[in-house]
Amino acid sequence: MTIFEMILAGLQTKFPGTDTATLTRIATKKAEGVTDETKVNSIVEGISIQDVMQNYGDFRAGQAQTSAVSNYEKKHGLKDGKPIENPEEKKDEKKDDVPSWAQALIDSNKTLSEKLAGYEQERAQAQRNAQVSAKAKEYGIPETLVPMLNIPSDADLDTYMKDAKQTFVNAGLQSVLPDTGDPKPNDDIDSLVASIDKGTKEFVEQAKK
């Protein structure tokens, strides 16, 4: 049996029912540096109930203080009295640390990309318009009528123009198609416009179905 175990056993006999943890802390402290077993009894006898209560009180006070400090640090984001570093905040700090010349380059590249996207869109639209004009001409549909057709951007131009021409023919508008006869006389222009408008509306409605 070690000196510590002998002192602990003596304290448990002297103070029956006392908290074991408290007696263990006292025995641990009293056994430090003791190698002579004959001193164990005098050590045990020298420990009073006041010593036991003092040790218990100190321990509880220490626990309360530790708990209070822990709660305070948790509430205020501290660790060992120092602010806890937030990874997200560090990321934001890194963003803020970007040199002005680098940020200017980033902004410049972004602006250039937006302009290129705009140019590409304009080029694609111009190409589409050229295809529409060519296909309308192929089917003998006057250029002035093309805007009235409201052609969807994903429409098959060949099929769409073919159907448009057939719709004009069915509506009795052969006179507006270059390859199907003479145009109407000038004194009947109002009637021609009305017919074109009616035929265009019918075509659009059919295209939606």
N, C-alpha and C. Protein backbone atom coordinates (compact mmCIF):
# COMPACT_ATOMS: atom_id res chain seq x y z
N MET A 1 0.86 -1.20 0.00
CA MET A 1 0.00 0.00 0.00
C MET A 1 0.88 1.24 0.00
N THR A 2 0.56 2.20 -0.85
CA THR A 2 1.36 3.42 -0.96
C THR A 2 1.04 4.37 0.19
N ILE A 3 1.89 5.39 0.37
CA ILE A 3 1.66 6.40 1.40
C ILE A 3 0.31 7.08 1.16
N PHE A 4 0.04 7.37 -0.07
CA PHE A 4 -1.24 8.02 -0.44
C PHE A 4 -2.42 7.15 -0.02
N GLU A 5 -2.36 5.88 -0.36
CA GLU A 5 -3.46 4.97 -0.01
C GLU A 5 -3.62 4.84 1.50
N MET A 6 -2.51 4.86 2.23
CA MET A 6 -2.57 4.75 3.69
C MET A 6 -3.21 6.00 4.30
N ILE A 7 -2.85 7.16 3.79
CA ILE A 7 -3.42 8.40 4.30
C ILE A 7 -4.91 8.46 3.97
N LEU A 8 -5.27 8.08 2.75
CA LEU A 8 -6.68 8.10 2.34
C LEU A 8 -7.50 7.16 3.21
N ALA A 9 -6.97 5.98 3.46
CA ALA A 9 -7.69 5.01 4.30
C ALA A 9 -7.87 5.57 5.71
N GLY A 10 -6.84 6.23 6.22
CA GLY A 10 -6.94 6.80 7.56
C GLY A 10 -7.98 7.91 7.62
N LEU A 11 -8.04 8.74 6.59
CA LEU A 11 -9.01 9.83 6.55
C LEU A 11 -10.45 9.30 6.43
N GLN A 12 -10.62 8.23 5.63
CA GLN A 12 -11.95 7.65 5.49
C GLN A 12 -12.44 7.04 6.81
N THR A 13 -11.48 6.53 7.59
CA THR A 13 -11.85 6.00 8.91
C THR A 13 -12.17 7.13 9.88
N LYS A 14 -11.40 8.21 9.80
CA LYS A 14 -11.58 9.34 10.72
C LYS A 14 -12.82 10.16 10.38
N PHE A 15 -13.11 10.30 9.09
CA PHE A 15 -14.26 11.11 8.66
C PHE A 15 -15.22 10.26 7.82
N PRO A 16 -15.86 9.28 8.42
CA PRO A 16 -16.77 8.40 7.68
C PRO A 16 -17.92 9.19 7.05
N GLY A 17 -18.27 8.80 5.84
CA GLY A 17 -19.38 9.46 5.13
C GLY A 17 -18.98 10.72 4.40
N THR A 18 -17.72 11.14 4.54
CA THR A 18 -17.25 12.35 3.87
C THR A 18 -17.02 12.06 2.39
N ASP A 19 -17.24 13.08 1.58
CA ASP A 19 -17.06 12.95 0.13
C ASP A 19 -15.69 12.40 -0.20
N THR A 20 -15.64 11.28 -0.92
CA THR A 20 -14.39 10.61 -1.26
C THR A 20 -13.47 11.51 -2.08
N ALA A 21 -14.06 12.28 -2.97
CA ALA A 21 -13.25 13.16 -3.82
C ALA A 21 -12.50 14.18 -2.97
N THR A 22 -13.16 14.68 -1.94
CA THR A 22 -12.52 15.66 -1.06
C THR A 22 -11.36 15.03 -0.30
N LEU A 23 -11.59 13.85 0.27
CA LEU A 23 -10.54 13.15 1.02
C LEU A 23 -9.40 12.75 0.09
N THR A 24 -9.71 12.41 -1.13
CA THR A 24 -8.67 12.04 -2.11
C THR A 24 -7.77 13.22 -2.41
N ARG A 25 -8.38 14.41 -2.57
CA ARG A 25 -7.57 15.60 -2.83
C ARG A 25 -6.66 15.91 -1.65
N ILE A 26 -7.19 15.74 -0.42
CA ILE A 26 -6.37 16.00 0.79
C ILE A 26 -5.25 14.99 0.89
N ALA A 27 -5.54 13.71 0.68
CA ALA A 27 -4.54 12.65 0.79
C ALA A 27 -3.45 12.83 -0.25
N THR A 28 -3.84 13.24 -1.47
CA THR A 28 -2.87 13.46 -2.54
C THR A 28 -1.89 14.55 -2.16
N LYS A 29 -2.42 15.63 -1.60
CA LYS A 29 -1.57 16.76 -1.22
C LYS A 29 -0.66 16.40 -0.03
N LYS A 30 -1.21 15.71 0.94
CA LYS A 30 -0.44 15.37 2.14
C LYS A 30 0.61 14.30 1.87
N ALA A 31 0.41 13.47 0.84
CA ALA A 31 1.35 12.39 0.56
C ALA A 31 2.57 12.86 -0.23
N GLU A 32 2.52 14.09 -0.73
CA GLU A 32 3.62 14.60 -1.54
C GLU A 32 4.92 14.66 -0.70
N GLY A 33 5.93 14.01 -1.19
CA GLY A 33 7.25 14.06 -0.56
C GLY A 33 7.40 13.17 0.67
N VAL A 34 6.35 12.43 1.07
CA VAL A 34 6.43 11.56 2.25
C VAL A 34 6.83 10.15 1.82
N THR A 35 7.87 9.63 2.47
CA THR A 35 8.32 8.27 2.16
C THR A 35 8.32 7.36 3.40
N ASP A 36 8.18 7.95 4.54
CA ASP A 36 8.21 7.20 5.81
C ASP A 36 6.79 6.87 6.26
N GLU A 37 6.48 5.57 6.28
CA GLU A 37 5.14 5.12 6.63
C GLU A 37 4.78 5.46 8.09
N THR A 38 5.79 5.61 8.94
CA THR A 38 5.53 5.88 10.36
C THR A 38 4.93 7.26 10.57
N LYS A 39 5.00 8.11 9.54
CA LYS A 39 4.47 9.46 9.65
C LYS A 39 2.99 9.55 9.24
N VAL A 40 2.47 8.47 8.71
CA VAL A 40 1.10 8.49 8.19
C VAL A 40 0.10 8.82 9.28
N ASN A 41 0.23 8.16 10.44
CA ASN A 41 -0.74 8.39 11.52
C ASN A 41 -0.74 9.84 11.99
N SER A 42 0.47 10.42 12.15
CA SER A 42 0.54 11.81 12.60
C SER A 42 -0.05 12.76 11.57
N ILE A 43 0.13 12.40 10.27
CA ILE A 43 -0.44 13.23 9.20
C ILE A 43 -1.96 13.20 9.28
N VAL A 44 -2.51 12.00 9.44
CA VAL A 44 -3.97 11.84 9.51
C VAL A 44 -4.52 12.57 10.73
N GLU A 45 -3.83 12.41 11.87
CA GLU A 45 -4.29 13.05 13.09
C GLU A 45 -4.24 14.58 13.00
N GLY A 46 -3.31 15.07 12.18
CA GLY A 46 -3.16 16.52 12.06
C GLY A 46 -4.20 17.18 11.17
N ILE A 47 -5.02 16.37 10.51
CA ILE A 47 -6.06 16.91 9.63
C ILE A 47 -7.38 17.00 10.39
N SER A 48 -7.91 18.20 10.48
CA SER A 48 -9.15 18.41 11.22
C SER A 48 -10.34 18.49 10.27
N ILE A 49 -11.53 18.49 10.89
CA ILE A 49 -12.75 18.61 10.09
C ILE A 49 -12.80 19.95 9.38
N GLN A 50 -12.17 20.98 10.02
CA GLN A 50 -12.11 22.29 9.39
C GLN A 50 -11.29 22.24 8.09
N ASP A 51 -10.20 21.41 8.13
CA ASP A 51 -9.39 21.26 6.92
C ASP A 51 -10.21 20.61 5.80
N VAL A 52 -11.00 19.63 6.20
CA VAL A 52 -11.84 18.93 5.22
C VAL A 52 -12.85 19.91 4.61
N MET A 53 -13.52 20.68 5.45
CA MET A 53 -14.52 21.62 4.98
C MET A 53 -13.88 22.72 4.13
N GLN A 54 -12.69 23.14 4.51
CA GLN A 54 -11.98 24.17 3.75
C GLN A 54 -11.63 23.67 2.36
N ASN A 55 -11.15 22.43 2.31
CA ASN A 55 -10.80 21.84 1.02
C ASN A 55 -12.03 21.73 0.12
N TYR A 56 -13.12 21.28 0.71
CA TYR A 56 -14.37 21.14 -0.06
C TYR A 56 -14.85 22.51 -0.55
N GLY A 57 -14.81 23.49 0.35
CA GLY A 57 -15.25 24.83 -0.02
C GLY A 57 -14.39 25.44 -1.11
N ASP A 58 -13.07 25.25 -0.99
CA ASP A 58 -12.16 25.78 -2.01
C ASP A 58 -12.43 25.14 -3.37
N PHE A 59 -12.68 23.83 -3.32
CA PHE A 59 -12.94 23.11 -4.58
C PHE A 59 -14.21 23.62 -5.24
N ARG A 60 -15.26 23.78 -4.45
CA ARG A 60 -16.53 24.25 -5.00
C ARG A 60 -16.41 25.68 -5.52
N ALA A 61 -15.67 26.48 -4.80
CA ALA A 61 -15.46 27.86 -5.25
C ALA A 61 -14.69 27.89 -6.56
N GLY A 62 -13.70 27.00 -6.65
CA GLY A 62 -12.93 26.91 -7.89
C GLY A 62 -13.79 26.48 -9.05
N GLN A 63 -14.69 25.51 -8.79
CA GLN A 63 -15.60 25.05 -9.83
C GLN A 63 -16.52 26.18 -10.29
N ALA A 64 -17.05 26.92 -9.31
CA ALA A 64 -17.96 28.02 -9.64
C ALA A 64 -17.24 29.07 -10.47
N GLN A 65 -16.00 29.36 -10.10
CA GLN A 65 -15.23 30.36 -10.84
C GLN A 65 -14.94 29.89 -12.26
N THR A 66 -14.55 28.63 -12.37
CA THR A 66 -14.26 28.07 -13.70
C THR A 66 -15.50 28.11 -14.57
N SER A 67 -16.65 27.75 -13.97
CA SER A 67 -17.90 27.75 -14.73
C SER A 67 -18.27 29.16 -15.16
N ALA A 68 -18.08 30.12 -14.24
CA ALA A 68 -18.40 31.51 -14.56
C ALA A 68 -17.53 32.03 -15.69
N VAL A 69 -16.23 31.72 -15.62
CA VAL A 69 -15.30 32.15 -16.66
C VAL A 69 -15.66 31.52 -18.00
N SER A 70 -15.99 30.21 -17.95
CA SER A 70 -16.34 29.49 -19.17
C SER A 70 -17.58 30.08 -19.82
N ASN A 71 -18.59 30.36 -19.00
CA ASN A 71 -19.83 30.95 -19.53
C ASN A 71 -19.57 32.34 -20.11
N TYR A 72 -18.73 33.11 -19.43
CA TYR A 72 -18.42 34.46 -19.91
C TYR A 72 -17.69 34.40 -21.26
N GLU A 73 -16.71 33.51 -21.35
CA GLU A 73 -15.94 33.40 -22.60
C GLU A 73 -16.84 32.90 -23.73
N LYS A 74 -17.73 31.96 -23.39
CA LYS A 74 -18.63 31.44 -24.41
C LYS A 74 -19.57 32.52 -24.92
N LYS A 75 -20.06 33.35 -24.00
CA LYS A 75 -20.99 34.41 -24.34
C LYS A 75 -20.33 35.48 -25.20
N HIS A 76 -19.07 35.77 -24.91
CA HIS A 76 -18.37 36.86 -25.60
C HIS A 76 -17.38 36.36 -26.66
N GLY A 77 -17.43 35.06 -26.98
CA GLY A 77 -16.56 34.53 -28.03
C GLY A 77 -15.09 34.58 -27.69
N LEU A 78 -14.75 34.19 -26.45
CA LEU A 78 -13.36 34.22 -26.01
C LEU A 78 -12.85 32.82 -25.72
N LYS A 79 -11.52 32.69 -25.75
CA LYS A 79 -10.85 31.44 -25.40
C LYS A 79 -9.56 31.81 -24.67
N ASP A 80 -9.48 31.42 -23.41
CA ASP A 80 -8.33 31.81 -22.58
C ASP A 80 -8.17 33.32 -22.55
N GLY A 81 -9.30 34.01 -22.53
CA GLY A 81 -9.28 35.47 -22.45
C GLY A 81 -9.03 36.18 -23.76
N LYS A 82 -8.88 35.42 -24.87
CA LYS A 82 -8.60 36.01 -26.17
C LYS A 82 -9.75 35.73 -27.13
N PRO A 83 -10.02 36.65 -28.06
CA PRO A 83 -11.10 36.44 -29.03
C PRO A 83 -10.84 35.20 -29.88
N ILE A 84 -11.90 34.43 -30.11
CA ILE A 84 -11.80 33.24 -30.97
C ILE A 84 -11.85 33.70 -32.42
N GLU A 85 -10.90 33.24 -33.22
CA GLU A 85 -10.85 33.63 -34.63
C GLU A 85 -11.96 32.92 -35.40
N ASN A 86 -12.71 33.69 -36.16
CA ASN A 86 -13.78 33.15 -36.98
C ASN A 86 -13.27 32.94 -38.40
N PRO A 87 -13.32 31.68 -38.91
CA PRO A 87 -12.83 31.41 -40.26
C PRO A 87 -13.49 32.28 -41.32
N GLU A 88 -14.82 32.54 -41.15
CA GLU A 88 -15.52 33.36 -42.14
C GLU A 88 -15.01 34.79 -42.12
N GLU A 89 -14.74 35.28 -40.89
CA GLU A 89 -14.21 36.64 -40.79
C GLU A 89 -12.83 36.74 -41.43
N LYS A 90 -12.04 35.67 -41.28
CA LYS A 90 -10.71 35.68 -41.88
C LYS A 90 -10.80 35.72 -43.40
N LYS A 91 -11.84 35.02 -43.93
CA LYS A 91 -12.03 35.04 -45.38
C LYS A 91 -12.36 36.46 -45.83
N ASP A 92 -13.26 37.12 -45.05
CA ASP A 92 -13.64 38.48 -45.41
C ASP A 92 -12.43 39.41 -45.33
N GLU A 93 -11.57 39.18 -44.33
CA GLU A 93 -10.38 40.00 -44.18
C GLU A 93 -9.46 39.83 -45.38
N LYS A 94 -9.36 38.58 -45.86
CA LYS A 94 -8.51 38.31 -47.02
C LYS A 94 -9.04 39.05 -48.24
N LYS A 95 -10.40 39.09 -48.36
CA LYS A 95 -10.99 39.79 -49.48
C LYS A 95 -10.65 41.28 -49.42
N ASP A 96 -10.72 41.81 -48.18
CA ASP A 96 -10.43 43.22 -48.01
C ASP A 96 -8.96 43.55 -48.24
N ASP A 97 -8.12 42.51 -48.15
CA ASP A 97 -6.69 42.72 -48.31
C ASP A 97 -6.25 42.72 -49.77
N VAL A 98 -7.18 42.56 -50.72
CA VAL A 98 -6.82 42.54 -52.14
C VAL A 98 -6.27 43.91 -52.53
N PRO A 99 -5.08 43.98 -53.10
CA PRO A 99 -4.49 45.26 -53.50
C PRO A 99 -5.40 46.00 -54.47
N SER A 100 -5.32 47.32 -54.45
CA SER A 100 -6.18 48.14 -55.29
C SER A 100 -5.96 47.85 -56.78
N TRP A 101 -4.69 47.61 -57.16
CA TRP A 101 -4.41 47.35 -58.57
C TRP A 101 -5.03 46.02 -59.01
N ALA A 102 -5.02 45.03 -58.08
CA ALA A 102 -5.59 43.73 -58.41
C ALA A 102 -7.11 43.83 -58.52
N GLN A 103 -7.72 44.61 -57.61
CA GLN A 103 -9.16 44.80 -57.66
C GLN A 103 -9.57 45.52 -58.93
N ALA A 104 -8.75 46.48 -59.35
CA ALA A 104 -9.02 47.22 -60.58
C ALA A 104 -8.97 46.28 -61.79
N LEU A 105 -8.01 45.35 -61.77
CA LEU A 105 -7.89 44.38 -62.85
C LEU A 105 -9.10 43.46 -62.89
N ILE A 106 -9.55 43.03 -61.70
CA ILE A 106 -10.71 42.16 -61.61
C ILE A 106 -11.95 42.87 -62.16
N ASP A 107 -12.13 44.13 -61.76
CA ASP A 107 -13.29 44.90 -62.24
C ASP A 107 -13.21 45.11 -63.74
N SER A 108 -11.99 45.36 -64.24
CA SER A 108 -11.81 45.58 -65.67
C SER A 108 -12.17 44.33 -66.47
N ASN A 109 -11.73 43.17 -65.98
CA ASN A 109 -12.03 41.91 -66.65
C ASN A 109 -13.52 41.64 -66.66
N LYS A 110 -14.18 41.99 -65.54
CA LYS A 110 -15.62 41.78 -65.45
C LYS A 110 -16.35 42.64 -66.47
N THR A 111 -15.93 43.91 -66.58
CA THR A 111 -16.54 44.82 -67.54
C THR A 111 -16.32 44.33 -68.97
N LEU A 112 -15.11 43.86 -69.25
CA LEU A 112 -14.79 43.35 -70.58
C LEU A 112 -15.64 42.14 -70.92
N SER A 113 -15.82 41.26 -69.95
CA SER A 113 -16.63 40.06 -70.16
C SER A 113 -18.08 40.43 -70.48
N GLU A 114 -18.59 41.44 -69.77
CA GLU A 114 -19.96 41.89 -70.02
C GLU A 114 -20.10 42.49 -71.42
N LYS A 115 -19.10 43.26 -71.83
CA LYS A 115 -19.14 43.85 -73.17
C LYS A 115 -19.07 42.77 -74.24
N LEU A 116 -18.20 41.79 -74.05
CA LEU A 116 -18.08 40.70 -75.03
C LEU A 116 -19.38 39.92 -75.14
N ALA A 117 -20.04 39.73 -73.98
CA ALA A 117 -21.31 39.02 -73.99
C ALA A 117 -22.34 39.81 -74.80
N GLY A 118 -22.32 41.16 -74.63
CA GLY A 118 -23.24 42.01 -75.38
C GLY A 118 -22.97 41.96 -76.87
N TYR A 119 -21.69 42.00 -77.25
CA TYR A 119 -21.31 41.92 -78.66
C TYR A 119 -21.73 40.58 -79.26
N GLU A 120 -21.55 39.53 -78.50
CA GLU A 120 -21.90 38.20 -78.98
C GLU A 120 -23.41 38.10 -79.20
N GLN A 121 -24.17 38.70 -78.29
CA GLN A 121 -25.63 38.68 -78.43
C GLN A 121 -26.06 39.47 -79.67
N GLU A 122 -25.43 40.64 -79.87
CA GLU A 122 -25.76 41.45 -81.05
C GLU A 122 -25.39 40.71 -82.34
N ARG A 123 -24.24 40.04 -82.33
CA ARG A 123 -23.80 39.29 -83.51
C ARG A 123 -24.77 38.16 -83.84
N ALA A 124 -25.20 37.47 -82.77
CA ALA A 124 -26.14 36.36 -82.96
C ALA A 124 -27.48 36.87 -83.50
N GLN A 125 -27.92 38.04 -82.99
CA GLN A 125 -29.18 38.60 -83.46
C GLN A 125 -29.08 39.04 -84.92
N ALA A 126 -27.94 39.65 -85.27
CA ALA A 126 -27.74 40.08 -86.66
C ALA A 126 -27.72 38.87 -87.60
N GLN A 127 -27.08 37.81 -87.15
CA GLN A 127 -27.03 36.59 -87.96
C GLN A 127 -28.43 36.00 -88.15
N ARG A 128 -29.21 36.02 -87.08
CA ARG A 128 -30.57 35.49 -87.14
C ARG A 128 -31.42 36.33 -88.08
N ASN A 129 -31.28 37.67 -88.00
CA ASN A 129 -32.05 38.56 -88.88
C ASN A 129 -31.71 38.30 -90.34
N ALA A 130 -30.44 38.07 -90.61
CA ALA A 130 -30.01 37.79 -91.99
C ALA A 130 -30.63 36.49 -92.48
N GLN A 131 -30.67 35.49 -91.62
CA GLN A 131 -31.27 34.20 -91.99
C GLN A 131 -32.77 34.35 -92.26
N VAL A 132 -33.43 35.17 -91.41
CA VAL A 132 -34.87 35.40 -91.60
C VAL A 132 -35.13 36.09 -92.93
N SER A 133 -34.34 37.13 -93.22
CA SER A 133 -34.52 37.87 -94.47
C SER A 133 -34.30 36.97 -95.69
N ALA A 134 -33.25 36.14 -95.62
CA ALA A 134 -32.95 35.25 -96.74
C ALA A 134 -34.06 34.24 -96.95
N LYS A 135 -34.58 33.70 -95.86
CA LYS A 135 -35.63 32.68 -95.98
C LYS A 135 -36.94 33.31 -96.45
N ALA A 136 -37.23 34.55 -96.00
CA ALA A 136 -38.44 35.24 -96.45
C ALA A 136 -38.37 35.51 -97.95
N LYS A 137 -37.19 35.93 -98.41
CA LYS A 137 -36.99 36.20 -99.83
C LYS A 137 -37.15 34.92 -100.64
N GLU A 138 -36.65 33.81 -100.08
CA GLU A 138 -36.74 32.51 -100.76
C GLU A 138 -38.20 32.12 -101.01
N TYR A 139 -39.08 32.45 -100.07
CA TYR A 139 -40.49 32.08 -100.21
C TYR A 139 -41.33 33.24 -100.76
N GLY A 140 -40.67 34.30 -101.22
CA GLY A 140 -41.39 35.40 -101.85
C GLY A 140 -42.19 36.25 -100.91
N ILE A 141 -41.81 36.27 -99.61
CA ILE A 141 -42.53 37.09 -98.63
C ILE A 141 -41.84 38.44 -98.55
N PRO A 142 -42.56 39.53 -98.79
CA PRO A 142 -41.95 40.87 -98.77
C PRO A 142 -41.28 41.19 -97.43
N GLU A 143 -40.18 41.91 -97.50
CA GLU A 143 -39.42 42.27 -96.30
C GLU A 143 -40.28 43.05 -95.31
N THR A 144 -41.23 43.84 -95.84
CA THR A 144 -42.07 44.67 -94.97
C THR A 144 -43.04 43.85 -94.13
N LEU A 145 -43.28 42.62 -94.54
CA LEU A 145 -44.22 41.77 -93.78
C LEU A 145 -43.52 40.94 -92.70
N VAL A 146 -42.22 40.81 -92.79
CA VAL A 146 -41.48 39.95 -91.86
C VAL A 146 -41.67 40.36 -90.40
N PRO A 147 -41.57 41.67 -90.06
CA PRO A 147 -41.73 42.05 -88.65
C PRO A 147 -43.09 41.68 -88.08
N MET A 148 -44.10 41.58 -88.95
CA MET A 148 -45.45 41.28 -88.50
C MET A 148 -45.62 39.80 -88.14
N LEU A 149 -44.66 38.98 -88.53
CA LEU A 149 -44.79 37.54 -88.30
C LEU A 149 -44.45 37.12 -86.87
N ASN A 150 -43.72 37.97 -86.15
CA ASN A 150 -43.32 37.63 -84.76
C ASN A 150 -42.71 36.23 -84.67
N ILE A 151 -41.64 36.04 -85.40
CA ILE A 151 -41.01 34.72 -85.48
C ILE A 151 -40.27 34.39 -84.18
N PRO A 152 -40.58 33.27 -83.54
CA PRO A 152 -39.87 32.86 -82.31
C PRO A 152 -38.40 32.63 -82.59
N SER A 153 -37.55 32.89 -81.61
CA SER A 153 -36.10 32.77 -81.80
C SER A 153 -35.67 31.34 -82.09
N ASP A 154 -36.47 30.36 -81.65
CA ASP A 154 -36.08 28.96 -81.86
C ASP A 154 -36.87 28.28 -82.97
N ALA A 155 -37.58 29.09 -83.75
CA ALA A 155 -38.42 28.51 -84.81
C ALA A 155 -37.57 28.03 -85.98
N ASP A 156 -38.03 26.97 -86.63
CA ASP A 156 -37.38 26.49 -87.85
C ASP A 156 -37.83 27.41 -88.98
N LEU A 157 -36.92 28.20 -89.53
CA LEU A 157 -37.28 29.24 -90.49
C LEU A 157 -37.91 28.68 -91.76
N ASP A 158 -37.40 27.56 -92.23
CA ASP A 158 -37.93 27.01 -93.47
C ASP A 158 -39.41 26.63 -93.30
N THR A 159 -39.68 25.91 -92.22
CA THR A 159 -41.07 25.50 -91.95
C THR A 159 -41.95 26.71 -91.68
N TYR A 160 -41.42 27.66 -90.90
CA TYR A 160 -42.20 28.83 -90.51
C TYR A 160 -42.57 29.67 -91.73
N MET A 161 -41.61 29.94 -92.61
CA MET A 161 -41.87 30.76 -93.79
C MET A 161 -42.79 30.06 -94.77
N LYS A 162 -42.63 28.76 -94.87
CA LYS A 162 -43.49 27.97 -95.76
C LYS A 162 -44.93 28.06 -95.30
N ASP A 163 -45.12 27.91 -93.99
CA ASP A 163 -46.47 28.00 -93.44
C ASP A 163 -47.02 29.41 -93.57
N ALA A 164 -46.14 30.41 -93.38
CA ALA A 164 -46.57 31.80 -93.49
C ALA A 164 -47.06 32.09 -94.91
N LYS A 165 -46.32 31.65 -95.90
CA LYS A 165 -46.71 31.88 -97.29
C LYS A 165 -48.05 31.21 -97.58
N GLN A 166 -48.21 29.98 -97.09
CA GLN A 166 -49.46 29.26 -97.33
C GLN A 166 -50.62 29.97 -96.66
N THR A 167 -50.38 30.54 -95.49
CA THR A 167 -51.43 31.27 -94.78
C THR A 167 -51.83 32.52 -95.54
N PHE A 168 -50.84 33.22 -96.11
CA PHE A 168 -51.14 34.40 -96.92
C PHE A 168 -51.98 34.01 -98.13
N VAL A 169 -51.61 32.89 -98.76
CA VAL A 169 -52.34 32.42 -99.94
C VAL A 169 -53.77 32.05 -99.57
N ASN A 170 -53.92 31.32 -98.45
CA ASN A 170 -55.25 30.90 -98.01
C ASN A 170 -56.13 32.10 -97.66
N ALA A 171 -55.46 33.19 -97.19
CA ALA A 171 -56.21 34.39 -96.82
C ALA A 171 -56.50 35.27 -98.02
N GLY A 172 -56.12 34.82 -99.21
CA GLY A 172 -56.38 35.59 -100.42
C GLY A 172 -55.43 36.75 -100.62
N LEU A 173 -54.20 36.61 -100.11
CA LEU A 173 -53.23 37.69 -100.23
C LEU A 173 -52.17 37.40 -101.28
N GLN A 174 -52.55 36.67 -102.33
CA GLN A 174 -51.56 36.36 -103.35
C GLN A 174 -50.95 37.61 -103.96
N SER A 175 -51.70 38.69 -103.94
CA SER A 175 -51.23 39.91 -104.60
C SER A 175 -50.04 40.55 -103.90
N VAL A 176 -49.80 40.19 -102.61
CA VAL A 176 -48.65 40.79 -101.92
C VAL A 176 -47.41 39.95 -102.09
N LEU A 177 -47.55 38.79 -102.70
CA LEU A 177 -46.40 37.92 -102.91
C LEU A 177 -45.89 38.13 -104.32
N PRO A 178 -44.61 38.49 -104.50
CA PRO A 178 -44.05 38.86 -105.80
C PRO A 178 -44.26 37.83 -106.89
N ASP A 179 -44.28 36.56 -106.56
CA ASP A 179 -44.33 35.54 -107.61
C ASP A 179 -45.74 35.06 -107.87
N THR A 180 -46.76 35.76 -107.41
CA THR A 180 -48.12 35.24 -107.58
C THR A 180 -49.06 36.24 -108.24
N GLY A 181 -48.56 37.21 -108.94
CA GLY A 181 -49.46 38.10 -109.66
C GLY A 181 -49.15 39.56 -109.46
N ASP A 182 -50.00 40.41 -110.03
CA ASP A 182 -49.82 41.85 -109.97
C ASP A 182 -50.32 42.39 -108.64
N PRO A 183 -49.68 43.47 -108.16
CA PRO A 183 -50.13 44.07 -106.90
C PRO A 183 -51.46 44.78 -107.08
N LYS A 184 -52.16 45.02 -105.97
CA LYS A 184 -53.44 45.70 -106.03
C LYS A 184 -53.22 47.17 -106.43
N PRO A 185 -54.17 47.79 -107.06
CA PRO A 185 -54.03 49.20 -107.42
C PRO A 185 -53.97 50.08 -106.19
N ASN A 186 -53.44 51.28 -106.39
CA ASN A 186 -53.24 52.19 -105.28
C ASN A 186 -54.53 52.59 -104.60
N ASP A 187 -55.64 52.67 -105.38
CA ASP A 187 -56.90 53.11 -104.78
C ASP A 187 -57.48 52.07 -103.85
N ASP A 188 -56.86 50.86 -103.85
CA ASP A 188 -57.37 49.80 -102.97
C ASP A 188 -56.37 49.47 -101.86
N ILE A 189 -55.46 50.44 -101.58
CA ILE A 189 -54.38 50.17 -100.62
C ILE A 189 -54.89 49.91 -99.22
N ASP A 190 -55.97 50.64 -98.81
CA ASP A 190 -56.52 50.45 -97.47
C ASP A 190 -57.04 49.04 -97.29
N SER A 191 -57.70 48.54 -98.33
CA SER A 191 -58.23 47.18 -98.27
C SER A 191 -57.09 46.16 -98.20
N LEU A 192 -55.99 46.45 -98.92
CA LEU A 192 -54.83 45.57 -98.92
C LEU A 192 -54.21 45.48 -97.54
N VAL A 193 -54.04 46.64 -96.88
CA VAL A 193 -53.45 46.67 -95.54
C VAL A 193 -54.31 45.89 -94.56
N ALA A 194 -55.64 46.06 -94.69
CA ALA A 194 -56.56 45.35 -93.79
C ALA A 194 -56.46 43.85 -94.00
N SER A 195 -56.33 43.45 -95.26
CA SER A 195 -56.22 42.03 -95.57
C SER A 195 -54.92 41.44 -95.03
N ILE A 196 -53.84 42.21 -95.18
CA ILE A 196 -52.55 41.75 -94.68
C ILE A 196 -52.60 41.57 -93.16
N ASP A 197 -53.20 42.56 -92.51
CA ASP A 197 -53.28 42.51 -91.05
C ASP A 197 -54.10 41.31 -90.60
N LYS A 198 -55.22 41.06 -91.29
CA LYS A 198 -56.06 39.92 -90.95
C LYS A 198 -55.33 38.60 -91.18
N GLY A 199 -54.65 38.50 -92.30
CA GLY A 199 -53.93 37.26 -92.61
C GLY A 199 -52.79 37.01 -91.64
N THR A 200 -52.10 38.07 -91.25
CA THR A 200 -50.99 37.94 -90.31
C THR A 200 -51.49 37.45 -88.95
N LYS A 201 -52.61 38.01 -88.52
CA LYS A 201 -53.18 37.59 -87.24
C LYS A 201 -53.57 36.12 -87.27
N GLU A 202 -54.14 35.68 -88.40
CA GLU A 202 -54.54 34.27 -88.53
C GLU A 202 -53.31 33.36 -88.49
N PHE A 203 -52.25 33.82 -89.13
CA PHE A 203 -51.02 33.00 -89.13
C PHE A 203 -50.43 32.89 -87.75
N VAL A 204 -50.39 34.01 -87.04
CA VAL A 204 -49.84 34.02 -85.68
C VAL A 204 -50.64 33.10 -84.78
N GLU A 205 -51.98 33.15 -84.91
CA GLU A 205 -52.82 32.28 -84.08
C GLU A 205 -52.57 30.80 -84.39
N GLN A 206 -52.39 30.49 -85.68
CA GLN A 206 -52.11 29.11 -86.05
C GLN A 206 -50.75 28.67 -85.52
N ALA A 207 -49.78 29.57 -85.53
CA ALA A 207 -48.43 29.24 -85.07
C ALA A 207 -48.42 28.95 -83.58
N LYS A 208 -49.35 29.57 -82.86
CA LYS A 208 -49.38 29.35 -81.41
C LYS A 208 -49.95 27.98 -81.06
N LYS A 209 -50.74 27.40 -81.95
CA LYS A 209 -51.38 26.10 -81.65
C LYS A 209 -50.39 24.95 -81.77
